Every structure is written in structure tokens, then in C-alpha cells.
Amino acid sequence: MPVEIDLLDAGVAGLGESPLWDHRNARLWWVDSTAGRLCSSDAEGAAQAEWTFDQPIGSIGLAEGGLIVALADGFYRFAAGDGDLNAIANPPMAPATRLNDGKADRAGRFLAASMRTGDAMGTAALFRLDADGATTCLETGIGIGNAICFSPDGDMLYFADSLDGMLRRYAYDPQSGAVGPRHDLVDCRAQGSGADGATVDAEGRIWVALVLAQAVACYAPDGKLLRSIPVPLPYPSCPAFGGPNLDILYLTSIANSGHRIVADHPDAGRLTAIRGLDVPGIAEGIYR
């Protein structure tokens, strides 16, 4: 089956990020990060709804009773039914940083990385949020934390600093949430871009948005490049599998990041749906 790439009629984001398929009620979620806008639709981009918060949204994940939202300053629970937003925790972030990319692990925790908003390099970090609201710093010395995702059985964590181009791999203990030593897996700059968002499929392959190369790349768990799919929009930012059969790869994009990335393409910032891939994804973990 050939790959089919469609643009969803789901509105335009300035900084589209964190697509998320909620298999519990067949809804697609994503964010317009710098606008603080949380968006939702059905699998085809229809039946849309949105909410706006008073600060940027780094990422979202599934949670019991709704979603977990990583706003600029910390972690919150969101209930779509009534729009309530309730604080969970504020991790110890350095000045001039905010939370960015995040993902729930397979055991019910939520990991999110921060990113620098000023000029100080290496001030961001990777945090783990446990079910009791406790936060732990797992990695430091980061510029823009991105590409968080987990192997199918949850024993491997993938993570990147978009500024150094390297997709990293860490052994991950699903029981404790502890990480092992860093292993540099792929230098995405060989494909013309650092890594932005990422996800894994049911066979454990890693799909990475190559934001500066206008493509999404698929890597084997050992780091071998398996394929690179050009996309019709500039600045693809984050992929996620979804749809009723988890066989659609949704991809957000950027029209204006509020910093260095600005596109003049008429469809910049829209959502792309890629169909016809040879493997489905995995239902996302749920923060407990």
C-alpha cells in the first residue's frame, strides 16, 4: 500500500506540537504551544474543540480522568468535560527555561523536558513526574529537550536535545523510573536536522520529526535509518500514531515558533495525516 499524505482541516497552529491520540474516546489532541492553546478533534480533524491557557503549553499526555498538561511552569491535570485545570507540581527549573516535550511512560509516570527561552546554553533538564506528584531530575545540561518516547515494553527511553542533533537512548526501569547511562544512538544532523518530537511503533522503530529537513525519519532500535518520508509542509514538529486502528501517523508543524522558525508556506502550521505505513503504533501510556 503506498503512503498517502493528507492535510487535515483542523486549523492552523503557530507552534504545533504534542499530537496525542486518546484511544479511550477516539479523540485527537494537539497544542499550539506559544499561544497556550489546547486543541481536539476526531480522527479526520472534524468536531473540533479548543481551550486557551494563560501560559505556553509544552506538551500533553493521557491521564486518569482527562489529560496531563505540561505548561511552562509545571504539571497540571485537565478535565475536558468542564475545562478544569488543577496544578500537580512545579519542578525545579532554571531561570529562563520552560517545560517542553513530554510523554507518559508505560507504567503511569510522565516525563517532560524543559527548554531554554533565553541565550544560556545547557540550562534545561529532563524531569520525571511520579503518581504522587513528586518530581525527579533525570538529566541536565540540555538546550531544547525533545523526542521523548519509550520502547514498546517500556525498558528503553529515547530523548534528544534538538540543539546538538543527537537522539539518545537510555535503559529505563519501568518499576522505578530510573534511567541508565546515556548512549548516543543517531546523529540526526546527517539527515539535515536536529530531532524534534518522536514516537515509536508496535515493532519498536522510532519515528522522528526532522524539523529543518521537512521530513519524518524512521530509525531501527539500533539507530539504522530505515526510511525518510518527505512531507508537504515546512517545519514538521512532532509525530504520533492514532486513529481507530492506530495506523495513522499524525504530524504537527510550525508556522511561527516565536523565535527563529517562521514559514511563509500557506499551509504551515497545519496537521498532516500519513497513511499506508507498514506497522501501527501503540496506545499511549496513562499518567496515574
Protein backbone atom coordinates (compact mmCIF):
# COMPACT_ATOMS: atom_id res chain seq x y z
CA MET A 1 0.00 0.00 0.00
CA PRO A 2 1.55 3.35 -1.00
CA VAL A 3 1.99 6.08 1.56
CA GLU A 4 -0.77 8.71 1.45
CA ILE A 5 -0.25 12.15 2.96
CA ASP A 6 -3.21 14.42 3.65
CA LEU A 7 -3.66 17.77 5.33
CA LEU A 8 -6.37 17.76 7.99
CA ASP A 9 -8.85 20.61 8.07
CA ALA A 10 -8.09 21.24 11.70
CA GLY A 11 -6.97 24.82 11.91
CA VAL A 12 -3.51 26.35 11.94
CA ALA A 13 -1.07 26.45 14.84
CA GLY A 14 1.75 28.91 15.21
CA LEU A 15 3.85 26.31 17.01
CA GLY A 16 2.05 22.99 16.59
CA GLU A 17 3.29 20.30 18.97
CA SER A 18 2.45 17.19 21.01
CA PRO A 19 -0.16 15.32 18.93
CA LEU A 20 -1.87 12.71 21.11
CA TRP A 21 -4.45 10.06 20.27
CA ASP A 22 -6.85 9.29 23.12
CA HIS A 23 -7.91 5.70 22.43
CA ARG A 24 -10.43 5.86 25.27
CA ASN A 25 -12.80 8.16 23.37
CA ALA A 26 -11.32 8.30 19.85
CA ARG A 27 -10.11 11.92 20.04
CA LEU A 28 -7.02 13.54 18.60
CA TRP A 29 -5.35 16.22 20.71
CA TRP A 30 -2.54 18.65 19.94
CA VAL A 31 -1.30 22.06 21.10
CA ASP A 32 -0.43 25.45 19.70
CA SER A 33 2.42 25.82 22.13
CA THR A 34 3.29 29.51 22.33
CA ALA A 35 -0.38 30.53 22.07
CA GLY A 36 -1.26 28.36 25.08
CA ARG A 37 -3.98 26.68 23.02
CA LEU A 38 -5.12 23.08 23.54
CA CYS A 39 -6.98 21.59 20.56
CA SER A 40 -9.04 18.45 19.95
CA SER A 41 -10.85 16.81 17.04
CA ASP A 42 -11.99 13.46 15.74
CA ALA A 43 -9.64 11.28 13.68
CA GLU A 44 -10.26 13.27 10.50
CA GLY A 45 -9.88 16.73 12.02
CA ALA A 46 -13.61 17.44 12.41
CA ALA A 47 -15.74 18.01 15.54
CA GLN A 48 -13.14 20.42 16.86
CA ALA A 49 -12.86 21.98 20.29
CA GLU A 50 -10.22 24.15 21.94
CA TRP A 51 -9.20 25.75 25.23
CA THR A 52 -6.69 28.55 25.86
CA PHE A 53 -4.46 28.88 28.91
CA ASP A 54 -2.50 31.84 30.23
CA GLN A 55 0.95 30.43 29.51
CA PRO A 56 2.67 28.32 26.83
CA ILE A 57 1.94 24.59 26.65
CA GLY A 58 4.97 22.34 26.30
CA SER A 59 3.20 19.00 25.90
CA ILE A 60 0.24 16.86 26.88
CA GLY A 61 -0.40 13.24 27.81
CA LEU A 62 -3.25 10.97 28.77
CA ALA A 63 -4.18 10.92 32.44
CA GLU A 64 -6.83 9.25 34.53
CA GLY A 65 -9.93 11.42 34.19
CA GLY A 66 -8.56 13.52 31.31
CA LEU A 67 -5.13 14.82 30.34
CA ILE A 68 -1.89 15.84 31.96
CA VAL A 69 -0.64 19.19 30.65
CA ALA A 70 2.94 20.44 30.93
CA LEU A 71 2.53 24.20 30.97
CA ALA A 72 5.56 26.48 31.02
CA ASP A 73 5.92 26.39 34.81
CA GLY A 74 4.73 22.91 35.78
CA PHE A 75 2.38 19.94 35.55
CA TYR A 76 -1.43 20.18 35.63
CA ARG A 77 -4.45 17.90 35.30
CA PHE A 78 -7.05 18.91 32.73
CA ALA A 79 -10.66 17.68 32.60
CA ALA A 80 -12.14 18.22 29.15
CA GLY A 81 -15.71 17.87 30.39
CA ASP A 82 -15.66 21.06 32.45
CA GLY A 83 -12.34 22.60 31.37
CA ASP A 84 -10.92 22.47 34.90
CA LEU A 85 -7.14 22.81 35.21
CA ASN A 86 -5.56 21.77 38.51
CA ALA A 87 -1.90 22.05 39.49
CA ILE A 88 0.08 18.91 40.32
CA ALA A 89 3.71 20.01 40.70
CA ASN A 90 6.30 22.60 39.68
CA PRO A 91 9.70 21.01 39.00
CA PRO A 92 12.87 22.92 39.97
CA MET A 93 13.62 24.62 36.66
CA ALA A 94 16.44 27.03 35.98
CA PRO A 95 15.63 30.68 35.18
CA ALA A 96 14.75 31.42 31.53
CA THR A 97 13.53 27.87 30.87
CA ARG A 98 10.08 26.33 30.42
CA LEU A 99 8.66 22.83 30.08
CA ASN A 100 8.59 21.46 26.55
CA ASP A 101 8.22 17.94 25.12
CA GLY A 102 6.69 15.20 27.30
CA LYS A 103 5.31 11.67 27.26
CA ALA A 104 3.78 9.19 29.71
CA ASP A 105 5.77 6.01 30.29
CA ARG A 106 4.21 2.55 30.20
CA ALA A 107 3.88 2.41 33.99
CA GLY A 108 1.92 5.63 34.62
CA ARG A 109 4.58 8.30 35.15
CA PHE A 110 5.04 11.39 32.98
CA LEU A 111 8.39 12.62 31.69
CA ALA A 112 8.90 16.14 30.36
CA ALA A 113 11.95 18.10 29.32
CA SER A 114 12.48 21.81 29.65
CA MET A 115 13.97 24.16 27.08
CA ARG A 116 15.87 27.41 27.31
CA THR A 117 13.98 30.57 26.40
CA GLY A 118 16.99 32.86 26.64
CA ASP A 119 20.59 32.60 25.48
CA ALA A 120 22.04 30.47 28.29
CA MET A 121 23.06 27.11 26.80
CA GLY A 122 22.67 23.88 28.73
CA THR A 123 20.34 25.17 31.43
CA ALA A 124 17.37 22.89 30.68
CA ALA A 125 16.69 19.43 32.12
CA LEU A 126 14.64 16.24 31.88
CA PHE A 127 12.12 15.62 34.69
CA ARG A 128 10.04 12.66 35.82
CA LEU A 129 6.67 13.18 37.49
CA ASP A 130 5.54 10.30 39.67
CA ALA A 131 1.98 9.35 40.57
CA ASP A 132 2.30 11.01 43.99
CA GLY A 133 3.28 14.35 42.43
CA ALA A 134 6.98 14.06 43.27
CA THR A 135 9.40 15.27 40.59
CA THR A 136 12.90 13.96 39.88
CA CYS A 137 15.55 15.45 37.60
CA LEU A 138 16.91 12.72 35.30
CA GLU A 139 19.27 14.67 33.02
CA THR A 140 20.76 18.17 32.90
CA GLY A 141 22.87 20.27 30.54
CA ILE A 142 20.19 20.46 27.83
CA GLY A 143 19.35 23.24 25.38
CA ILE A 144 15.95 22.18 23.99
CA GLY A 145 14.65 18.85 25.32
CA ASN A 146 12.68 16.85 22.74
CA ALA A 147 11.87 13.44 21.20
CA ILE A 148 10.75 11.73 24.43
CA CYS A 149 9.32 8.27 23.76
CA PHE A 150 9.58 4.72 25.06
CA SER A 151 10.21 1.28 23.59
CA PRO A 152 7.11 -0.97 23.36
CA ASP A 153 7.92 -2.85 26.57
CA GLY A 154 8.93 0.35 28.36
CA ASP A 155 12.52 -0.59 29.16
CA MET A 156 14.15 1.95 26.86
CA LEU A 157 13.83 5.74 26.86
CA TYR A 158 14.61 7.85 23.79
CA PHE A 159 15.37 11.55 24.19
CA ALA A 160 17.11 14.34 22.29
CA ASP A 161 18.50 17.82 22.69
CA SER A 162 17.40 19.49 19.47
CA LEU A 163 20.38 21.83 19.59
CA ASP A 164 23.05 19.12 19.46
CA GLY A 165 21.24 16.90 16.92
CA MET A 166 21.74 13.66 18.84
CA LEU A 167 18.95 11.16 19.51
CA ARG A 168 19.88 9.45 22.77
CA ARG A 169 18.93 6.11 24.27
CA TYR A 170 18.79 5.24 27.98
CA ALA A 171 17.96 1.98 29.71
CA TYR A 172 14.76 2.67 31.65
CA ASP A 173 13.46 0.76 34.67
CA PRO A 174 9.66 0.53 34.37
CA GLN A 175 9.38 -0.36 38.05
CA SER A 176 11.26 2.62 39.47
CA GLY A 177 11.53 5.10 36.60
CA ALA A 178 15.32 5.19 36.96
CA VAL A 179 17.46 5.76 33.86
CA GLY A 180 20.75 4.17 32.94
CA PRO A 181 23.77 5.78 31.25
CA ARG A 182 23.29 7.84 28.10
CA HIS A 183 24.01 6.18 24.75
CA ASP A 184 24.18 8.35 21.62
CA LEU A 185 22.05 6.48 19.10
CA VAL A 186 21.63 8.69 16.00
CA ASP A 187 23.13 11.98 14.88
CA CYS A 188 20.07 13.34 13.08
CA ARG A 189 22.15 16.12 11.56
CA ALA A 190 23.21 13.56 8.94
CA GLN A 191 19.64 13.95 7.64
CA GLY A 192 19.83 17.73 7.72
CA SER A 193 18.14 18.46 11.03
CA GLY A 194 18.18 18.00 14.75
CA ALA A 195 15.45 15.84 16.27
CA ASP A 196 12.16 17.42 17.25
CA GLY A 197 9.29 15.24 18.51
CA ALA A 198 9.33 11.44 18.24
CA THR A 199 7.22 8.32 18.76
CA VAL A 200 7.61 4.55 18.42
CA ASP A 201 5.60 1.97 16.50
CA ALA A 202 4.49 -1.52 17.53
CA GLU A 203 7.78 -3.00 16.31
CA GLY A 204 9.88 -0.58 18.34
CA ARG A 205 11.03 1.62 15.47
CA ILE A 206 11.49 5.31 16.28
CA TRP A 207 9.78 7.93 14.12
CA VAL A 208 11.40 11.36 14.42
CA ALA A 209 10.28 14.74 13.08
CA LEU A 210 13.21 16.31 11.22
CA VAL A 211 12.05 19.87 11.65
CA LEU A 212 14.62 21.51 9.37
CA ALA A 213 14.61 18.77 6.69
CA GLN A 214 10.83 18.76 6.00
CA ALA A 215 10.64 15.04 6.66
CA VAL A 216 9.86 12.36 9.21
CA ALA A 217 12.51 9.67 9.61
CA CYS A 218 12.13 6.10 10.83
CA TYR A 219 15.04 4.51 12.71
CA ALA A 220 15.55 0.94 13.88
CA PRO A 221 16.18 0.45 17.62
CA ASP A 222 19.89 0.09 16.80
CA GLY A 223 19.90 3.52 15.12
CA LYS A 224 19.87 2.41 11.47
CA LEU A 225 17.93 4.75 9.20
CA LEU A 226 15.12 2.69 7.66
CA ARG A 227 13.29 5.37 5.70
CA SER A 228 12.72 9.09 5.43
CA ILE A 229 9.35 10.41 4.25
CA PRO A 230 9.22 13.94 2.81
CA VAL A 231 6.15 15.90 3.93
CA PRO A 232 4.36 18.72 2.10
CA LEU A 233 4.72 21.30 4.88
CA PRO A 234 7.80 23.07 6.19
CA TYR A 235 8.96 22.52 9.76
CA PRO A 236 7.27 19.25 10.86
CA SER A 237 7.48 19.20 14.63
CA CYS A 238 6.08 16.06 16.28
CA PRO A 239 4.57 12.70 15.17
CA ALA A 240 2.05 10.43 16.92
CA PHE A 241 0.22 7.30 15.84
CA GLY A 242 -3.55 7.37 16.14
CA GLY A 243 -6.87 6.69 14.50
CA PRO A 244 -9.21 3.77 15.30
CA ASN A 245 -6.56 1.23 14.26
CA LEU A 246 -3.54 3.28 15.40
CA ASP A 247 -2.32 3.21 11.80
CA ILE A 248 -2.35 6.95 11.01
CA LEU A 249 0.80 8.92 11.74
CA TYR A 250 -0.28 12.44 12.69
CA LEU A 251 2.33 15.17 12.34
CA THR A 252 2.15 18.72 13.68
CA SER A 253 4.03 21.59 12.06
CA ILE A 254 5.25 25.11 12.75
CA ALA A 255 4.19 28.37 11.13
CA ASN A 256 5.90 30.72 13.60
CA SER A 257 7.82 29.43 16.60
CA GLY A 258 8.03 32.88 18.15
CA HIS A 259 11.79 32.75 17.71
CA ARG A 260 13.84 31.59 14.71
CA ILE A 261 11.44 29.42 12.72
CA VAL A 262 8.99 31.34 10.55
CA ALA A 263 7.35 29.85 7.45
CA ASP A 264 5.69 31.62 4.54
CA HIS A 265 4.03 28.45 3.20
CA PRO A 266 0.20 28.92 3.06
CA ASP A 267 -0.41 25.64 4.91
CA ALA A 268 2.33 26.00 7.53
CA GLY A 269 1.14 25.06 10.99
CA ARG A 270 -1.44 22.54 9.83
CA LEU A 271 -1.72 18.88 10.80
CA THR A 272 -0.61 16.15 8.40
CA ALA A 273 -2.02 12.61 8.38
CA ILE A 274 0.24 9.91 6.91
CA ARG A 275 -1.46 6.64 5.97
CA GLY A 276 -0.21 3.43 4.40
CA LEU A 277 2.74 2.76 6.71
CA ASP A 278 3.51 -0.90 7.24
CA VAL A 279 3.01 -1.01 11.01
CA PRO A 280 0.65 0.52 13.59
CA GLY A 281 1.58 2.45 16.67
CA ILE A 282 0.95 1.70 20.34
CA ALA A 283 -1.69 3.17 22.63
CA GLU A 284 -0.13 5.90 24.75
CA GLY A 285 0.54 5.40 28.44
CA ILE A 286 -1.77 6.98 31.00
CA TYR A 287 -0.47 9.09 33.88
CA ARG A 288 -1.90 7.66 37.10
